[in-house]
Amino acid sequence: MDDGATGSGSRLLVSRDRTRKRDKWRAYRVLVDGVVVGKVRRGGSVAVEVPTGRHMIQVKIDWCGSPKVLVTVGTGREYRMKCGPRLDRPHDLSLITTDLDNYL
């Protein structure tokens, strides 16, 4: 994907909900344009520099993840995103079989 990067970029801060118990001992991978740029644990956050332009952001664990979010990044800004498990029901198998990009 051509991100159209022309400037120095901005900071992306991804934080994770502390109250949800699902996946409490596991880290989520933060991806920018399909590349892992950091990991975030329960109650924590990760900050990464992203170049100016359009970027696809997603959070994943194993083969499951969040919906992909398209973000247009300006120069010298901070973008904040929150993540966490979509549901706290441990036995909802659709989230790990057919609805993979809605697990988080």
PDB file of N, CA and C in Angstrom:
ATOM      1  N   MET A   1       0.843  -1.192   0.000  1.00  0.00           N
ATOM      2  CA  MET A   1       0.000   0.000   0.000  1.00  0.00           C
ATOM      3  C   MET A   1       0.877   1.240   0.000  1.00  0.00           C
ATOM      4  N   ASP A   2       0.613   2.142  -0.865  1.00  0.00           N
ATOM      5  CA  ASP A   2       1.328   3.401  -0.920  1.00  0.00           C
ATOM      6  C   ASP A   2       0.732   4.328   0.124  1.00  0.00           C
ATOM      7  N   ASP A   3       1.511   4.639   1.177  1.00  0.00           N
ATOM      8  CA  ASP A   3       0.952   5.456   2.258  1.00  0.00           C
ATOM      9  C   ASP A   3       1.065   6.945   1.970  1.00  0.00           C
ATOM     10  N   GLY A   4       1.726   7.313   0.907  1.00  0.00           N
ATOM     11  CA  GLY A   4       1.832   8.720   0.542  1.00  0.00           C
ATOM     12  C   GLY A   4       2.635   9.520   1.544  1.00  0.00           C
ATOM     13  N   ALA A   5       3.567   8.883   2.239  1.00  0.00           N
ATOM     14  CA  ALA A   5       4.334   9.546   3.284  1.00  0.00           C
ATOM     15  C   ALA A   5       5.159  10.682   2.698  1.00  0.00           C
ATOM     16  N   THR A   6       4.989  11.858   3.263  1.00  0.00           N
ATOM     17  CA  THR A   6       5.755  13.004   2.804  1.00  0.00           C
ATOM     18  C   THR A   6       6.368  13.776   3.963  1.00  0.00           C
ATOM     19  N   GLY A   7       5.781  13.702   5.140  1.00  0.00           N
ATOM     20  CA  GLY A   7       6.284  14.444   6.286  1.00  0.00           C
ATOM     21  C   GLY A   7       6.881  13.508   7.313  1.00  0.00           C
ATOM     22  N   SER A   8       7.246  14.083   8.466  1.00  0.00           N
ATOM     23  CA  SER A   8       7.885  13.286   9.500  1.00  0.00           C
ATOM     24  C   SER A   8       6.894  12.381  10.221  1.00  0.00           C
ATOM     25  N   GLY A   9       5.631  12.742  10.232  1.00  0.00           N
ATOM     26  CA  GLY A   9       4.623  11.869  10.816  1.00  0.00           C
ATOM     27  C   GLY A   9       4.174  12.265  12.191  1.00  0.00           C
ATOM     28  N   SER A  10       3.610  11.284  12.874  1.00  0.00           N
ATOM     29  CA  SER A  10       2.991  11.523  14.166  1.00  0.00           C
ATOM     30  C   SER A  10       3.135  10.310  15.058  1.00  0.00           C
ATOM     31  N   ARG A  11       2.530  10.396  16.198  1.00  0.00           N
ATOM     32  CA  ARG A  11       2.588   9.321  17.181  1.00  0.00           C
ATOM     33  C   ARG A  11       1.230   8.653  17.281  1.00  0.00           C
ATOM     34  N   LEU A  12       1.243   7.317  17.286  1.00  0.00           N
ATOM     35  CA  LEU A  12       0.045   6.515  17.490  1.00  0.00           C
ATOM     36  C   LEU A  12       0.162   5.865  18.862  1.00  0.00           C
ATOM     37  N   LEU A  13      -0.814   6.112  19.719  1.00  0.00           N
ATOM     38  CA  LEU A  13      -0.826   5.540  21.062  1.00  0.00           C
ATOM     39  C   LEU A  13      -1.998   4.566  21.158  1.00  0.00           C
ATOM     40  N   VAL A  14      -1.699   3.291  21.369  1.00  0.00           N
ATOM     41  CA  VAL A  14      -2.725   2.261  21.503  1.00  0.00           C
ATOM     42  C   VAL A  14      -2.735   1.799  22.949  1.00  0.00           C
ATOM     43  N   SER A  15      -3.879   1.952  23.616  1.00  0.00           N
ATOM     44  CA  SER A  15      -4.010   1.521  25.008  1.00  0.00           C
ATOM     45  C   SER A  15      -5.035   0.406  25.099  1.00  0.00           C
ATOM     46  N   ARG A  16      -4.894  -0.402  26.147  1.00  0.00           N
ATOM     47  CA  ARG A  16      -5.762  -1.564  26.297  1.00  0.00           C
ATOM     48  C   ARG A  16      -6.530  -1.491  27.598  1.00  0.00           C
ATOM     49  N   ASP A  17      -7.794  -1.815  27.509  1.00  0.00           N
ATOM     50  CA  ASP A  17      -8.715  -1.835  28.642  1.00  0.00           C
ATOM     51  C   ASP A  17      -8.193  -2.744  29.755  1.00  0.00           C
ATOM     52  N   ARG A  18      -8.294  -2.300  30.988  1.00  0.00           N
ATOM     53  CA  ARG A  18      -7.839  -3.086  32.128  1.00  0.00           C
ATOM     54  C   ARG A  18      -8.969  -3.916  32.737  1.00  0.00           C
ATOM     55  N   THR A  19     -10.210  -3.518  32.489  1.00  0.00           N
ATOM     56  CA  THR A  19     -11.334  -4.138  33.192  1.00  0.00           C
ATOM     57  C   THR A  19     -11.739  -5.490  32.625  1.00  0.00           C
ATOM     58  N   ARG A  20     -11.469  -5.744  31.344  1.00  0.00           N
ATOM     59  CA  ARG A  20     -11.868  -7.013  30.739  1.00  0.00           C
ATOM     60  C   ARG A  20     -10.928  -8.131  31.157  1.00  0.00           C
ATOM     61  N   LYS A  21     -11.504  -9.291  31.465  1.00  0.00           N
ATOM     62  CA  LYS A  21     -10.698 -10.421  31.940  1.00  0.00           C
ATOM     63  C   LYS A  21     -10.221 -11.337  30.824  1.00  0.00           C
ATOM     64  N   ARG A  22     -10.944 -11.379  29.713  1.00  0.00           N
ATOM     65  CA  ARG A  22     -10.535 -12.253  28.619  1.00  0.00           C
ATOM     66  C   ARG A  22      -9.149 -11.843  28.128  1.00  0.00           C
ATOM     67  N   ASP A  23      -8.281 -12.791  27.929  1.00  0.00           N
ATOM     68  CA  ASP A  23      -6.899 -12.581  27.455  1.00  0.00           C
ATOM     69  C   ASP A  23      -6.038 -11.802  28.442  1.00  0.00           C
ATOM     70  N   LYS A  24      -6.398 -11.816  29.716  1.00  0.00           N
ATOM     71  CA  LYS A  24      -5.704 -10.960  30.687  1.00  0.00           C
ATOM     72  C   LYS A  24      -4.211 -11.232  30.808  1.00  0.00           C
ATOM     73  N   TRP A  25      -3.759 -12.409  30.488  1.00  0.00           N
ATOM     74  CA  TRP A  25      -2.329 -12.742  30.616  1.00  0.00           C
ATOM     75  C   TRP A  25      -1.600 -12.669  29.275  1.00  0.00           C
ATOM     76  N   ARG A  26      -2.281 -12.241  28.228  1.00  0.00           N
ATOM     77  CA  ARG A  26      -1.698 -12.272  26.892  1.00  0.00           C
ATOM     78  C   ARG A  26      -1.556 -10.872  26.310  1.00  0.00           C
ATOM     79  N   ALA A  27      -0.589 -10.717  25.441  1.00  0.00           N
ATOM     80  CA  ALA A  27      -0.361  -9.432  24.770  1.00  0.00           C
ATOM     81  C   ALA A  27      -1.028  -9.437  23.400  1.00  0.00           C
ATOM     82  N   TYR A  28      -1.509  -8.275  22.989  1.00  0.00           N
ATOM     83  CA  TYR A  28      -2.059  -8.092  21.649  1.00  0.00           C
ATOM     84  C   TYR A  28      -0.982  -7.457  20.782  1.00  0.00           C
ATOM     85  N   ARG A  29      -0.901  -7.871  19.524  1.00  0.00           N
ATOM     86  CA  ARG A  29       0.038  -7.284  18.570  1.00  0.00           C
ATOM     87  C   ARG A  29      -0.631  -6.093  17.884  1.00  0.00           C
ATOM     88  N   VAL A  30       0.083  -4.997  17.791  1.00  0.00           N
ATOM     89  CA  VAL A  30      -0.404  -3.802  17.093  1.00  0.00           C
ATOM     90  C   VAL A  30       0.248  -3.806  15.713  1.00  0.00           C
ATOM     91  N   LEU A  31      -0.596  -3.755  14.667  1.00  0.00           N
ATOM     92  CA  LEU A  31      -0.102  -3.768  13.297  1.00  0.00           C
ATOM     93  C   LEU A  31      -0.429  -2.446  12.597  1.00  0.00           C
ATOM     94  N   VAL A  32       0.548  -1.940  11.874  1.00  0.00           N
ATOM     95  CA  VAL A  32       0.353  -0.777  11.012  1.00  0.00           C
ATOM     96  C   VAL A  32       0.703  -1.241   9.607  1.00  0.00           C
ATOM     97  N   ASP A  33      -0.260  -1.185   8.719  1.00  0.00           N
ATOM     98  CA  ASP A  33      -0.089  -1.635   7.341  1.00  0.00           C
ATOM     99  C   ASP A  33       0.387  -3.086   7.275  1.00  0.00           C
ATOM    100  N   GLY A  34      -0.132  -3.922   8.189  1.00  0.00           N
ATOM    101  CA  GLY A  34       0.180  -5.344   8.195  1.00  0.00           C
ATOM    102  C   GLY A  34       1.481  -5.725   8.864  1.00  0.00           C
ATOM    103  N   VAL A  35       2.216  -4.752   9.398  1.00  0.00           N
ATOM    104  CA  VAL A  35       3.502  -5.004  10.042  1.00  0.00           C
ATOM    105  C   VAL A  35       3.363  -4.795  11.553  1.00  0.00           C
ATOM    106  N   VAL A  36       3.844  -5.766  12.338  1.00  0.00           N
ATOM    107  CA  VAL A  36       3.782  -5.637  13.795  1.00  0.00           C
ATOM    108  C   VAL A  36       4.745  -4.539  14.240  1.00  0.00           C
ATOM    109  N   VAL A  37       4.208  -3.548  14.973  1.00  0.00           N
ATOM    110  CA  VAL A  37       5.022  -2.418  15.426  1.00  0.00           C
ATOM    111  C   VAL A  37       5.129  -2.363  16.947  1.00  0.00           C
ATOM    112  N   GLY A  38       4.392  -3.237  17.643  1.00  0.00           N
ATOM    113  CA  GLY A  38       4.454  -3.257  19.102  1.00  0.00           C
ATOM    114  C   GLY A  38       3.443  -4.225  19.669  1.00  0.00           C
ATOM    115  N   LYS A  39       3.511  -4.378  20.975  1.00  0.00           N
ATOM    116  CA  LYS A  39       2.573  -5.234  21.698  1.00  0.00           C
ATOM    117  C   LYS A  39       2.004  -4.455  22.872  1.00  0.00           C
ATOM    118  N   VAL A  40       0.755  -4.776  23.217  1.00  0.00           N
ATOM    119  CA  VAL A  40       0.113  -4.088  24.338  1.00  0.00           C
ATOM    120  C   VAL A  40      -0.528  -5.137  25.249  1.00  0.00           C
ATOM    121  N   ARG A  41      -0.256  -5.024  26.527  1.00  0.00           N
ATOM    122  CA  ARG A  41      -0.808  -5.931  27.529  1.00  0.00           C
ATOM    123  C   ARG A  41      -1.979  -5.272  28.243  1.00  0.00           C
ATOM    124  N   ARG A  42      -2.739  -6.051  28.974  1.00  0.00           N
ATOM    125  CA  ARG A  42      -3.901  -5.575  29.730  1.00  0.00           C
ATOM    126  C   ARG A  42      -3.505  -4.396  30.625  1.00  0.00           C
ATOM    127  N   GLY A  43      -4.214  -3.284  30.476  1.00  0.00           N
ATOM    128  CA  GLY A  43      -3.951  -2.088  31.270  1.00  0.00           C
ATOM    129  C   GLY A  43      -2.772  -1.270  30.797  1.00  0.00           C
ATOM    130  N   GLY A  44      -2.123  -1.685  29.721  1.00  0.00           N
ATOM    131  CA  GLY A  44      -0.935  -0.990  29.240  1.00  0.00           C
ATOM    132  C   GLY A  44      -1.187  -0.207  27.977  1.00  0.00           C
ATOM    133  N   SER A  45      -0.113   0.338  27.439  1.00  0.00           N
ATOM    134  CA  SER A  45      -0.201   1.067  26.178  1.00  0.00           C
ATOM    135  C   SER A  45       1.131   0.953  25.450  1.00  0.00           C
ATOM    136  N   VAL A  46       1.084   1.236  24.162  1.00  0.00           N
ATOM    137  CA  VAL A  46       2.289   1.249  23.338  1.00  0.00           C
ATOM    138  C   VAL A  46       2.206   2.461  22.426  1.00  0.00           C
ATOM    139  N   ALA A  47       3.315   3.148  22.256  1.00  0.00           N
ATOM    140  CA  ALA A  47       3.377   4.318  21.383  1.00  0.00           C
ATOM    141  C   ALA A  47       4.349   4.026  20.246  1.00  0.00           C
ATOM    142  N   VAL A  48       3.934   4.356  19.026  1.00  0.00           N
ATOM    143  CA  VAL A  48       4.785   4.158  17.856  1.00  0.00           C
ATOM    144  C   VAL A  48       4.717   5.391  16.970  1.00  0.00           C
ATOM    145  N   GLU A  49       5.798   5.638  16.267  1.00  0.00           N
ATOM    146  CA  GLU A  49       5.833   6.732  15.299  1.00  0.00           C
ATOM    147  C   GLU A  49       5.311   6.203  13.973  1.00  0.00           C
ATOM    148  N   VAL A  50       4.414   6.963  13.344  1.00  0.00           N
ATOM    149  CA  VAL A  50       3.885   6.595  12.033  1.00  0.00           C
ATOM    150  C   VAL A  50       4.089   7.770  11.074  1.00  0.00           C
ATOM    151  N   PRO A  51       4.516   7.466   9.850  1.00  0.00           N
ATOM    152  CA  PRO A  51       4.728   8.545   8.892  1.00  0.00           C
ATOM    153  C   PRO A  51       3.416   9.167   8.436  1.00  0.00           C
ATOM    154  N   THR A  52       3.499  10.372   7.945  1.00  0.00           N
ATOM    155  CA  THR A  52       2.343  11.064   7.391  1.00  0.00           C
ATOM    156  C   THR A  52       1.775  10.256   6.230  1.00  0.00           C
ATOM    157  N   GLY A  53       0.450  10.201   6.160  1.00  0.00           N
ATOM    158  CA  GLY A  53      -0.205   9.480   5.072  1.00  0.00           C
ATOM    159  C   GLY A  53      -1.309   8.583   5.596  1.00  0.00           C
ATOM    160  N   ARG A  54      -1.820   7.705   4.734  1.00  0.00           N
ATOM    161  CA  ARG A  54      -2.901   6.791   5.111  1.00  0.00           C
ATOM    162  C   ARG A  54      -2.320   5.465   5.577  1.00  0.00           C
ATOM    163  N   HIS A  55      -2.873   4.953   6.694  1.00  0.00           N
ATOM    164  CA  HIS A  55      -2.377   3.700   7.269  1.00  0.00           C
ATOM    165  C   HIS A  55      -3.539   2.851   7.760  1.00  0.00           C
ATOM    166  N   MET A  56      -3.383   1.543   7.617  1.00  0.00           N
ATOM    167  CA  MET A  56      -4.363   0.583   8.099  1.00  0.00           C
ATOM    168  C   MET A  56      -3.865   0.082   9.465  1.00  0.00           C
ATOM    169  N   ILE A  57      -4.695   0.278  10.495  1.00  0.00           N
ATOM    170  CA  ILE A  57      -4.340  -0.114  11.863  1.00  0.00           C
ATOM    171  C   ILE A  57      -5.209  -1.306  12.267  1.00  0.00           C
ATOM    172  N   GLN A  58      -4.584  -2.291  12.915  1.00  0.00           N
ATOM    173  CA  GLN A  58      -5.312  -3.454  13.415  1.00  0.00           C
ATOM    174  C   GLN A  58      -4.580  -3.994  14.639  1.00  0.00           C
ATOM    175  N   VAL A  59      -5.349  -4.629  15.526  1.00  0.00           N
ATOM    176  CA  VAL A  59      -4.785  -5.295  16.704  1.00  0.00           C
ATOM    177  C   VAL A  59      -5.138  -6.769  16.569  1.00  0.00           C
ATOM    178  N   LYS A  60      -4.157  -7.653  16.861  1.00  0.00           N
ATOM    179  CA  LYS A  60      -4.384  -9.088  16.672  1.00  0.00           C
ATOM    180  C   LYS A  60      -3.878  -9.903  17.862  1.00  0.00           C
ATOM    181  N   ILE A  61      -4.492 -11.063  18.015  1.00  0.00           N
ATOM    182  CA  ILE A  61      -4.022 -12.082  18.941  1.00  0.00           C
ATOM    183  C   ILE A  61      -4.235 -13.409  18.223  1.00  0.00           C
ATOM    184  N   ASP A  62      -3.186 -14.182  18.096  1.00  0.00           N
ATOM    185  CA  ASP A  62      -3.236 -15.435  17.346  1.00  0.00           C
ATOM    186  C   ASP A  62      -3.819 -15.173  15.960  1.00  0.00           C
ATOM    187  N   TRP A  63      -4.837 -15.912  15.560  1.00  0.00           N
ATOM    188  CA  TRP A  63      -5.451 -15.752  14.237  1.00  0.00           C
ATOM    189  C   TRP A  63      -6.653 -14.805  14.261  1.00  0.00           C
ATOM    190  N   CYS A  64      -6.962 -14.238  15.412  1.00  0.00           N
ATOM    191  CA  CYS A  64      -8.117 -13.344  15.560  1.00  0.00           C
ATOM    192  C   CYS A  64      -7.634 -11.908  15.690  1.00  0.00           C
ATOM    193  N   GLY A  65      -8.563 -10.970  15.506  1.00  0.00           N
ATOM    194  CA  GLY A  65      -8.164  -9.578  15.635  1.00  0.00           C
ATOM    195  C   GLY A  65      -9.331  -8.632  15.704  1.00  0.00           C
ATOM    196  N   SER A  66      -9.002  -7.371  15.502  1.00  0.00           N
ATOM    197  CA  SER A  66      -9.991  -6.302  15.476  1.00  0.00           C
ATOM    198  C   SER A  66     -10.327  -5.994  14.022  1.00  0.00           C
ATOM    199  N   PRO A  67     -11.394  -5.237  13.795  1.00  0.00           N
ATOM    200  CA  PRO A  67     -11.608  -4.731  12.439  1.00  0.00           C
ATOM    201  C   PRO A  67     -10.433  -3.810  12.067  1.00  0.00           C
ATOM    202  N   LYS A  68     -10.119  -3.731  10.789  1.00  0.00           N
ATOM    203  CA  LYS A  68      -9.059  -2.830  10.331  1.00  0.00           C
ATOM    204  C   LYS A  68      -9.614  -1.412  10.290  1.00  0.00           C
ATOM    205  N   VAL A  69      -8.797  -0.458  10.731  1.00  0.00           N
ATOM    206  CA  VAL A  69      -9.204   0.946  10.778  1.00  0.00           C
ATOM    207  C   VAL A  69      -8.252   1.744   9.896  1.00  0.00           C
ATOM    208  N   LEU A  70      -8.804   2.474   8.938  1.00  0.00           N
ATOM    209  CA  LEU A  70      -7.994   3.324   8.071  1.00  0.00           C
ATOM    210  C   LEU A  70      -7.858   4.697   8.726  1.00  0.00           C
ATOM    211  N   VAL A  71      -6.604   5.124   8.914  1.00  0.00           N
ATOM    212  CA  VAL A  71      -6.324   6.406   9.565  1.00  0.00           C
ATOM    213  C   VAL A  71      -5.466   7.247   8.629  1.00  0.00           C
ATOM    214  N   THR A  72      -5.861   8.488   8.434  1.00  0.00           N
ATOM    215  CA  THR A  72      -5.040   9.425   7.680  1.00  0.00           C
ATOM    216  C   THR A  72      -4.270  10.265   8.684  1.00  0.00           C
ATOM    217  N   VAL A  73      -2.972  10.106   8.687  1.00  0.00           N
ATOM    218  CA  VAL A  73      -2.102  10.714   9.693  1.00  0.00           C
ATOM    219  C   VAL A  73      -1.546  12.033   9.169  1.00  0.00           C
ATOM    220  N   GLY A  74      -1.698  13.073   9.979  1.00  0.00           N
ATOM    221  CA  GLY A  74      -1.105  14.364   9.684  1.00  0.00           C
ATOM    222  C   GLY A  74       0.250  14.479  10.372  1.00  0.00           C
ATOM    223  N   THR A  75       0.939  15.567  10.142  1.00  0.00           N
ATOM    224  CA  THR A  75       2.261  15.769  10.722  1.00  0.00           C
ATOM    225  C   THR A  75       2.165  16.356  12.126  1.00  0.00           C
ATOM    226  N   GLY A  76       2.962  15.801  13.046  1.00  0.00           N
ATOM    227  CA  GLY A  76       3.077  16.354  14.382  1.00  0.00           C
ATOM    228  C   GLY A  76       1.866  16.195  15.278  1.00  0.00           C
ATOM    229  N   ARG A  77       1.081  15.141  15.094  1.00  0.00           N
ATOM    230  CA  ARG A  77      -0.116  14.928  15.914  1.00  0.00           C
ATOM    231  C   ARG A  77       0.017  13.644  16.709  1.00  0.00           C
ATOM    232  N   GLU A  78      -0.896  13.468  17.666  1.00  0.00           N
ATOM    233  CA  GLU A  78      -0.970  12.212  18.407  1.00  0.00           C
ATOM    234  C   GLU A  78      -2.356  11.616  18.182  1.00  0.00           C
ATOM    235  N   TYR A  79      -2.385  10.356  17.796  1.00  0.00           N
ATOM    236  CA  TYR A  79      -3.633   9.629  17.566  1.00  0.00           C
ATOM    237  C   TYR A  79      -3.744   8.558  18.636  1.00  0.00           C
ATOM    238  N   ARG A  80      -4.894   8.511  19.305  1.00  0.00           N
ATOM    239  CA  ARG A  80      -5.112   7.549  20.380  1.00  0.00           C
ATOM    240  C   ARG A  80      -6.189   6.549  19.993  1.00  0.00           C
ATOM    241  N   MET A  81      -5.903   5.288  20.280  1.00  0.00           N
ATOM    242  CA  MET A  81      -6.859   4.218  20.026  1.00  0.00           C
ATOM    243  C   MET A  81      -6.898   3.324  21.255  1.00  0.00           C
ATOM    244  N   LYS A  82      -8.079   2.790  21.545  1.00  0.00           N
ATOM    245  CA  LYS A  82      -8.241   1.860  22.661  1.00  0.00           C
ATOM    246  C   LYS A  82      -8.611   0.495  22.103  1.00  0.00           C
ATOM    247  N   CYS A  83      -8.156  -0.544  22.777  1.00  0.00           N
ATOM    248  CA  CYS A  83      -8.500  -1.892  22.341  1.00  0.00           C
ATOM    249  C   CYS A  83      -8.806  -2.763  23.560  1.00  0.00           C
ATOM    250  N   GLY A  84      -9.408  -3.882  23.294  1.00  0.00           N
ATOM    251  CA  GLY A  84      -9.733  -4.853  24.330  1.00  0.00           C
ATOM    252  C   GLY A  84     -10.596  -5.937  23.729  1.00  0.00           C
ATOM    253  N   PRO A  85     -10.841  -6.990  24.468  1.00  0.00           N
ATOM    254  CA  PRO A  85     -11.695  -8.046  23.932  1.00  0.00           C
ATOM    255  C   PRO A  85     -13.103  -7.517  23.694  1.00  0.00           C
ATOM    256  N   ARG A  86     -13.696  -7.943  22.600  1.00  0.00           N
ATOM    257  CA  ARG A  86     -15.040  -7.484  22.252  1.00  0.00           C
ATOM    258  C   ARG A  86     -16.056  -7.943  23.281  1.00  0.00           C
ATOM    259  N   LEU A  87     -15.938  -9.186  23.712  1.00  0.00           N
ATOM    260  CA  LEU A  87     -16.848  -9.759  24.701  1.00  0.00           C
ATOM    261  C   LEU A  87     -16.037 -10.455  25.783  1.00  0.00           C
ATOM    262  N   ASP A  88     -16.611 -10.580  26.950  1.00  0.00           N
ATOM    263  CA  ASP A  88     -15.949 -11.312  28.021  1.00  0.00           C
ATOM    264  C   ASP A  88     -16.490 -12.732  28.156  1.00  0.00           C
ATOM    265  N   ARG A  89     -17.344 -13.142  27.200  1.00  0.00           N
ATOM    266  CA  ARG A  89     -17.878 -14.501  27.253  1.00  0.00           C
ATOM    267  C   ARG A  89     -16.831 -15.465  26.708  1.00  0.00           C
ATOM    268  N   PRO A  90     -16.287 -16.347  27.540  1.00  0.00           N
ATOM    269  CA  PRO A  90     -15.207 -17.210  27.091  1.00  0.00           C
ATOM    270  C   PRO A  90     -15.627 -18.301  26.116  1.00  0.00           C
ATOM    271  N   HIS A  91     -16.904 -18.578  25.986  1.00  0.00           N
ATOM    272  CA  HIS A  91     -17.327 -19.704  25.158  1.00  0.00           C
ATOM    273  C   HIS A  91     -18.054 -19.292  23.892  1.00  0.00           C
ATOM    274  N   ASP A  92     -17.865 -18.073  23.419  1.00  0.00           N
ATOM    275  CA  ASP A  92     -18.491 -17.628  22.179  1.00  0.00           C
ATOM    276  C   ASP A  92     -17.583 -18.036  21.021  1.00  0.00           C
ATOM    277  N   LEU A  93     -17.788 -19.232  20.482  1.00  0.00           N
ATOM    278  CA  LEU A  93     -16.899 -19.794  19.473  1.00  0.00           C
ATOM    279  C   LEU A  93     -16.947 -19.068  18.136  1.00  0.00           C
ATOM    280  N   SER A  94     -18.017 -18.319  17.861  1.00  0.00           N
ATOM    281  CA  SER A  94     -18.077 -17.613  16.579  1.00  0.00           C
ATOM    282  C   SER A  94     -16.948 -16.596  16.455  1.00  0.00           C
ATOM    283  N   LEU A  95     -16.470 -16.048  17.565  1.00  0.00           N
ATOM    284  CA  LEU A  95     -15.409 -15.044  17.530  1.00  0.00           C
ATOM    285  C   LEU A  95     -14.053 -15.632  17.161  1.00  0.00           C
ATOM    286  N   ILE A  96     -13.890 -16.949  17.280  1.00  0.00           N
ATOM    287  CA  ILE A  96     -12.618 -17.554  16.907  1.00  0.00           C
ATOM    288  C   ILE A  96     -12.748 -18.478  15.694  1.00  0.00           C
ATOM    289  N   THR A  97     -13.936 -18.538  15.117  1.00  0.00           N
ATOM    290  CA  THR A  97     -14.119 -19.403  13.953  1.00  0.00           C
ATOM    291  C   THR A  97     -14.627 -18.647  12.728  1.00  0.00           C
ATOM    292  N   THR A  98     -15.700 -17.912  12.836  1.00  0.00           N
ATOM    293  CA  THR A  98     -16.281 -17.261  11.667  1.00  0.00           C
ATOM    294  C   THR A  98     -16.236 -15.738  11.703  1.00  0.00           C
ATOM    295  N   ASP A  99     -16.077 -15.149  12.872  1.00  0.00           N
ATOM    296  CA  ASP A  99     -16.107 -13.696  13.032  1.00  0.00           C
ATOM    297  C   ASP A  99     -14.739 -13.208  13.520  1.00  0.00           C
ATOM    298  N   LEU A 100     -13.685 -13.690  12.882  1.00  0.00           N
ATOM    299  CA  LEU A 100     -12.308 -13.516  13.353  1.00  0.00           C
ATOM    300  C   LEU A 100     -11.873 -12.064  13.545  1.00  0.00           C
ATOM    301  N   ASP A 101     -12.302 -11.180  12.663  1.00  0.00           N
ATOM    302  CA  ASP A 101     -11.876  -9.773  12.764  1.00  0.00           C
ATOM    303  C   ASP A 101     -12.811  -8.939  13.628  1.00  0.00           C
ATOM    304  N   ASN A 102     -13.574  -9.594  14.489  1.00  0.00           N
ATOM    305  CA  ASN A 102     -14.387  -8.895  15.477  1.00  0.00           C
ATOM    306  C   ASN A 102     -14.141  -9.443  16.874  1.00  0.00           C
ATOM    307  N   TYR A 103     -13.060 -10.181  17.053  1.00  0.00           N
ATOM    308  CA  TYR A 103     -12.709 -10.740  18.355  1.00  0.00           C
ATOM    309  C   TYR A 103     -12.329  -9.627  19.320  1.00  0.00           C
ATOM    310  N   LEU A 104     -11.602  -8.621  18.793  1.00  0.00           N
ATOM    311  CA  LEU A 104     -11.147  -7.501  19.622  1.00  0.00           C
ATOM    312  C   LEU A 104     -11.914  -6.248  19.249  1.00  0.00           C
TER     313      LEU A 104
END
